[in-house]
N, C-alpha and C. Protein backbone atom coordinates (compact mmCIF):
# COMPACT_ATOMS: atom_id res chain seq x y z
N MET A 1 0.85 -1.18 0.00
CA MET A 1 0.00 0.00 0.00
C MET A 1 0.90 1.24 0.00
N LEU A 2 0.54 2.18 -0.84
CA LEU A 2 1.28 3.43 -0.85
C LEU A 2 1.08 4.16 0.48
N LEU A 3 2.15 4.76 0.96
CA LEU A 3 2.13 5.42 2.27
C LEU A 3 1.05 6.50 2.34
N ARG A 4 0.85 7.26 1.26
CA ARG A 4 -0.14 8.34 1.33
C ARG A 4 -1.55 7.79 1.54
N PHE A 5 -1.85 6.61 0.98
CA PHE A 5 -3.17 6.01 1.19
C PHE A 5 -3.31 5.50 2.62
N LYS A 6 -2.24 4.95 3.17
CA LYS A 6 -2.26 4.51 4.57
C LYS A 6 -2.50 5.70 5.49
N ILE A 7 -1.86 6.82 5.20
CA ILE A 7 -2.06 8.03 6.00
C ILE A 7 -3.52 8.47 5.94
N ILE A 8 -4.12 8.46 4.77
CA ILE A 8 -5.53 8.85 4.62
C ILE A 8 -6.42 7.94 5.47
N ILE A 9 -6.17 6.65 5.42
CA ILE A 9 -6.99 5.70 6.18
C ILE A 9 -6.85 5.95 7.68
N ILE A 10 -5.62 6.13 8.15
CA ILE A 10 -5.39 6.32 9.58
C ILE A 10 -5.96 7.65 10.07
N VAL A 11 -5.77 8.71 9.32
CA VAL A 11 -6.32 10.01 9.72
C VAL A 11 -7.84 9.98 9.69
N SER A 12 -8.42 9.36 8.68
CA SER A 12 -9.89 9.31 8.61
C SER A 12 -10.46 8.53 9.79
N ARG A 13 -9.79 7.47 10.20
CA ARG A 13 -10.24 6.72 11.39
C ARG A 13 -10.10 7.55 12.66
N GLN A 14 -8.97 8.23 12.79
CA GLN A 14 -8.72 9.04 13.99
C GLN A 14 -9.78 10.13 14.16
N PHE A 15 -10.16 10.77 13.07
CA PHE A 15 -11.13 11.87 13.12
C PHE A 15 -12.57 11.41 12.89
N GLU A 16 -12.73 10.11 12.65
CA GLU A 16 -14.05 9.52 12.40
C GLU A 16 -14.77 10.22 11.24
N VAL A 17 -14.04 10.38 10.14
CA VAL A 17 -14.61 10.90 8.90
C VAL A 17 -14.25 9.91 7.79
N SER A 18 -15.06 9.89 6.75
CA SER A 18 -14.77 8.98 5.65
C SER A 18 -13.57 9.49 4.85
N HIS A 19 -12.90 8.56 4.19
CA HIS A 19 -11.78 9.00 3.35
C HIS A 19 -12.28 9.84 2.19
N HIS A 20 -13.54 9.63 1.77
CA HIS A 20 -14.14 10.48 0.73
C HIS A 20 -14.26 11.92 1.22
N ALA A 21 -14.68 12.10 2.47
CA ALA A 21 -14.79 13.44 3.03
C ALA A 21 -13.41 14.08 3.15
N LEU A 22 -12.43 13.28 3.56
CA LEU A 22 -11.08 13.80 3.72
C LEU A 22 -10.50 14.30 2.39
N LEU A 23 -10.82 13.60 1.33
CA LEU A 23 -10.31 13.97 0.01
C LEU A 23 -11.25 14.92 -0.73
N GLY A 24 -12.39 15.24 -0.12
CA GLY A 24 -13.39 16.09 -0.76
C GLY A 24 -13.16 17.57 -0.51
N LYS A 25 -14.22 18.32 -0.70
CA LYS A 25 -14.15 19.79 -0.63
C LYS A 25 -14.80 20.38 0.62
N SER A 26 -15.28 19.54 1.53
CA SER A 26 -15.99 20.04 2.71
C SER A 26 -15.14 21.03 3.49
N GLN A 27 -15.77 22.09 3.96
CA GLN A 27 -15.10 23.09 4.79
C GLN A 27 -15.51 22.97 6.26
N ALA A 28 -16.20 21.89 6.61
CA ALA A 28 -16.56 21.66 8.01
C ALA A 28 -15.26 21.62 8.82
N PRO A 29 -15.21 22.32 9.95
CA PRO A 29 -13.95 22.47 10.69
C PRO A 29 -13.24 21.14 11.00
N ARG A 30 -13.98 20.15 11.45
CA ARG A 30 -13.34 18.87 11.80
C ARG A 30 -12.73 18.19 10.57
N ILE A 31 -13.45 18.22 9.46
CA ILE A 31 -12.96 17.59 8.24
C ILE A 31 -11.78 18.38 7.68
N LYS A 32 -11.89 19.68 7.71
CA LYS A 32 -10.82 20.54 7.19
C LYS A 32 -9.54 20.33 7.99
N GLU A 33 -9.64 20.27 9.32
CA GLU A 33 -8.45 20.04 10.13
C GLU A 33 -7.86 18.66 9.87
N ALA A 34 -8.71 17.66 9.73
CA ALA A 34 -8.23 16.31 9.42
C ALA A 34 -7.52 16.30 8.06
N ARG A 35 -8.08 17.01 7.09
CA ARG A 35 -7.47 17.10 5.76
C ARG A 35 -6.10 17.76 5.84
N TYR A 36 -6.03 18.88 6.58
CA TYR A 36 -4.75 19.57 6.74
C TYR A 36 -3.71 18.67 7.42
N LEU A 37 -4.15 17.92 8.41
CA LEU A 37 -3.24 17.02 9.10
C LEU A 37 -2.74 15.92 8.15
N ALA A 38 -3.63 15.40 7.33
CA ALA A 38 -3.23 14.39 6.35
C ALA A 38 -2.23 14.98 5.35
N MET A 39 -2.48 16.19 4.90
CA MET A 39 -1.55 16.86 3.98
C MET A 39 -0.18 17.02 4.64
N TYR A 40 -0.18 17.43 5.90
CA TYR A 40 1.06 17.62 6.65
C TYR A 40 1.84 16.31 6.75
N LEU A 41 1.15 15.25 7.13
CA LEU A 41 1.81 13.96 7.27
C LEU A 41 2.33 13.44 5.93
N ILE A 42 1.52 13.58 4.89
CA ILE A 42 1.95 13.14 3.57
C ILE A 42 3.20 13.91 3.14
N HIS A 43 3.18 15.20 3.36
CA HIS A 43 4.34 16.02 2.97
C HIS A 43 5.59 15.59 3.74
N ASN A 44 5.45 15.43 5.05
CA ASN A 44 6.62 15.13 5.88
C ASN A 44 7.09 13.69 5.79
N LEU A 45 6.19 12.76 5.57
CA LEU A 45 6.58 11.35 5.58
C LEU A 45 6.88 10.78 4.20
N THR A 46 6.36 11.41 3.15
CA THR A 46 6.61 10.88 1.81
C THR A 46 7.56 11.76 1.01
N GLY A 47 7.69 13.02 1.42
CA GLY A 47 8.53 13.93 0.66
C GLY A 47 7.88 14.46 -0.60
N LEU A 48 6.58 14.18 -0.78
CA LEU A 48 5.89 14.70 -1.96
C LEU A 48 5.90 16.23 -1.94
N LYS A 49 6.03 16.81 -3.08
CA LYS A 49 6.02 18.27 -3.22
C LYS A 49 4.57 18.77 -3.18
N LEU A 50 4.43 20.07 -2.90
CA LEU A 50 3.09 20.66 -2.77
C LEU A 50 2.21 20.42 -4.00
N PRO A 51 2.70 20.60 -5.23
CA PRO A 51 1.83 20.35 -6.38
C PRO A 51 1.34 18.90 -6.47
N ASP A 52 2.19 17.95 -6.06
CA ASP A 52 1.78 16.54 -6.09
C ASP A 52 0.72 16.25 -5.02
N ILE A 53 0.88 16.85 -3.86
CA ILE A 53 -0.13 16.69 -2.80
C ILE A 53 -1.43 17.35 -3.24
N ALA A 54 -1.33 18.51 -3.86
CA ALA A 54 -2.53 19.20 -4.36
C ALA A 54 -3.26 18.34 -5.38
N THR A 55 -2.54 17.70 -6.26
CA THR A 55 -3.16 16.81 -7.25
C THR A 55 -3.88 15.67 -6.54
N PHE A 56 -3.24 15.09 -5.54
CA PHE A 56 -3.83 13.98 -4.78
C PHE A 56 -5.14 14.40 -4.11
N PHE A 57 -5.15 15.63 -3.57
CA PHE A 57 -6.34 16.14 -2.88
C PHE A 57 -7.27 16.93 -3.81
N ASN A 58 -6.90 17.03 -5.07
CA ASN A 58 -7.70 17.76 -6.07
C ASN A 58 -7.96 19.20 -5.62
N CYS A 59 -6.86 19.89 -5.29
CA CYS A 59 -6.97 21.28 -4.85
C CYS A 59 -5.78 22.07 -5.39
N HIS A 60 -5.74 23.33 -5.12
CA HIS A 60 -4.65 24.20 -5.55
C HIS A 60 -3.48 24.05 -4.57
N PRO A 61 -2.23 24.10 -5.05
CA PRO A 61 -1.09 24.01 -4.14
C PRO A 61 -1.09 25.04 -3.01
N ALA A 62 -1.69 26.20 -3.25
CA ALA A 62 -1.77 27.20 -2.18
C ALA A 62 -2.58 26.68 -1.01
N HIS A 63 -3.60 25.86 -1.26
CA HIS A 63 -4.39 25.29 -0.18
C HIS A 63 -3.56 24.31 0.63
N VAL A 64 -2.68 23.58 -0.04
CA VAL A 64 -1.78 22.67 0.69
C VAL A 64 -0.86 23.48 1.59
N LEU A 65 -0.30 24.54 1.07
CA LEU A 65 0.59 25.39 1.86
C LEU A 65 -0.14 25.96 3.07
N ILE A 66 -1.36 26.42 2.89
CA ILE A 66 -2.16 26.93 4.01
C ILE A 66 -2.35 25.83 5.06
N GLY A 67 -2.65 24.63 4.60
CA GLY A 67 -2.83 23.50 5.52
C GLY A 67 -1.57 23.17 6.29
N LEU A 68 -0.43 23.16 5.60
CA LEU A 68 0.84 22.87 6.27
C LEU A 68 1.15 23.93 7.32
N GLN A 69 0.94 25.18 6.98
CA GLN A 69 1.20 26.27 7.93
C GLN A 69 0.25 26.19 9.13
N PHE A 70 -1.00 25.84 8.87
CA PHE A 70 -1.99 25.70 9.94
C PHE A 70 -1.54 24.64 10.95
N ILE A 71 -1.12 23.48 10.44
CA ILE A 71 -0.70 22.40 11.32
C ILE A 71 0.61 22.75 12.03
N GLN A 72 1.55 23.35 11.33
CA GLN A 72 2.80 23.75 11.97
C GLN A 72 2.54 24.72 13.11
N ASN A 73 1.62 25.64 12.92
CA ASN A 73 1.26 26.59 13.97
C ASN A 73 0.62 25.87 15.15
N LYS A 74 -0.26 24.91 14.86
CA LYS A 74 -0.90 24.15 15.95
C LYS A 74 0.11 23.34 16.73
N ILE A 75 1.09 22.77 16.04
CA ILE A 75 2.12 21.98 16.73
C ILE A 75 2.90 22.88 17.68
N ALA A 76 3.21 24.08 17.21
CA ALA A 76 4.01 25.02 18.01
C ALA A 76 3.26 25.56 19.22
N THR A 77 1.93 25.62 19.12
CA THR A 77 1.16 26.28 20.18
C THR A 77 0.23 25.34 20.94
N ASN A 78 0.17 24.08 20.54
CA ASN A 78 -0.83 23.18 21.10
C ASN A 78 -0.20 21.81 21.32
N LYS A 79 0.17 21.51 22.55
CA LYS A 79 0.85 20.24 22.85
C LYS A 79 0.01 19.02 22.45
N PRO A 80 -1.32 19.00 22.65
CA PRO A 80 -2.09 17.83 22.21
C PRO A 80 -1.96 17.56 20.70
N THR A 81 -1.81 18.59 19.91
CA THR A 81 -1.63 18.37 18.46
C THR A 81 -0.30 17.69 18.19
N ALA A 82 0.74 18.13 18.86
CA ALA A 82 2.06 17.49 18.70
C ALA A 82 1.99 16.03 19.14
N ASN A 83 1.29 15.77 20.24
CA ASN A 83 1.13 14.39 20.71
C ASN A 83 0.32 13.55 19.72
N LEU A 84 -0.70 14.14 19.14
CA LEU A 84 -1.52 13.44 18.15
C LEU A 84 -0.67 13.05 16.95
N ILE A 85 0.17 13.95 16.49
CA ILE A 85 1.02 13.65 15.34
C ILE A 85 1.99 12.51 15.67
N ARG A 86 2.56 12.52 16.86
CA ARG A 86 3.43 11.41 17.27
C ARG A 86 2.67 10.10 17.27
N SER A 87 1.46 10.13 17.81
CA SER A 87 0.63 8.93 17.86
C SER A 87 0.30 8.42 16.46
N LEU A 88 -0.06 9.34 15.56
CA LEU A 88 -0.37 8.94 14.18
C LEU A 88 0.85 8.38 13.48
N ASN A 89 2.01 8.97 13.72
CA ASN A 89 3.26 8.45 13.13
C ASN A 89 3.48 7.00 13.58
N GLU A 90 3.24 6.73 14.85
CA GLU A 90 3.41 5.36 15.35
C GLU A 90 2.44 4.41 14.66
N LYS A 91 1.20 4.82 14.49
CA LYS A 91 0.20 3.98 13.82
C LYS A 91 0.58 3.74 12.36
N ILE A 92 1.10 4.77 11.72
CA ILE A 92 1.46 4.66 10.30
C ILE A 92 2.59 3.65 10.12
N TYR A 93 3.51 3.61 11.04
CA TYR A 93 4.68 2.72 10.90
C TYR A 93 4.57 1.42 11.67
N GLU A 94 3.37 1.07 12.17
CA GLU A 94 3.16 -0.21 12.84
C GLU A 94 3.29 -1.34 11.85
């Protein structure tokens, strides 16, 4: 299984949203945050460039950049977010 698909499955389970919602256009806060987190993990764990991630999520690369910055800010200011990312990394590499 490609790592990016595994990330989508794990993030969708963690946030209790469908993978279709995660890859869709919903702006619901919970889905949007889950999508941004998936983008962040895909970027950091696969090394995919922003345009490739944007293609995967069917969005503009600027939206990926916004998502990455959003998650980086949350990591810096919110310890539970940093802990969540560590936990997801462990699940991804189990």
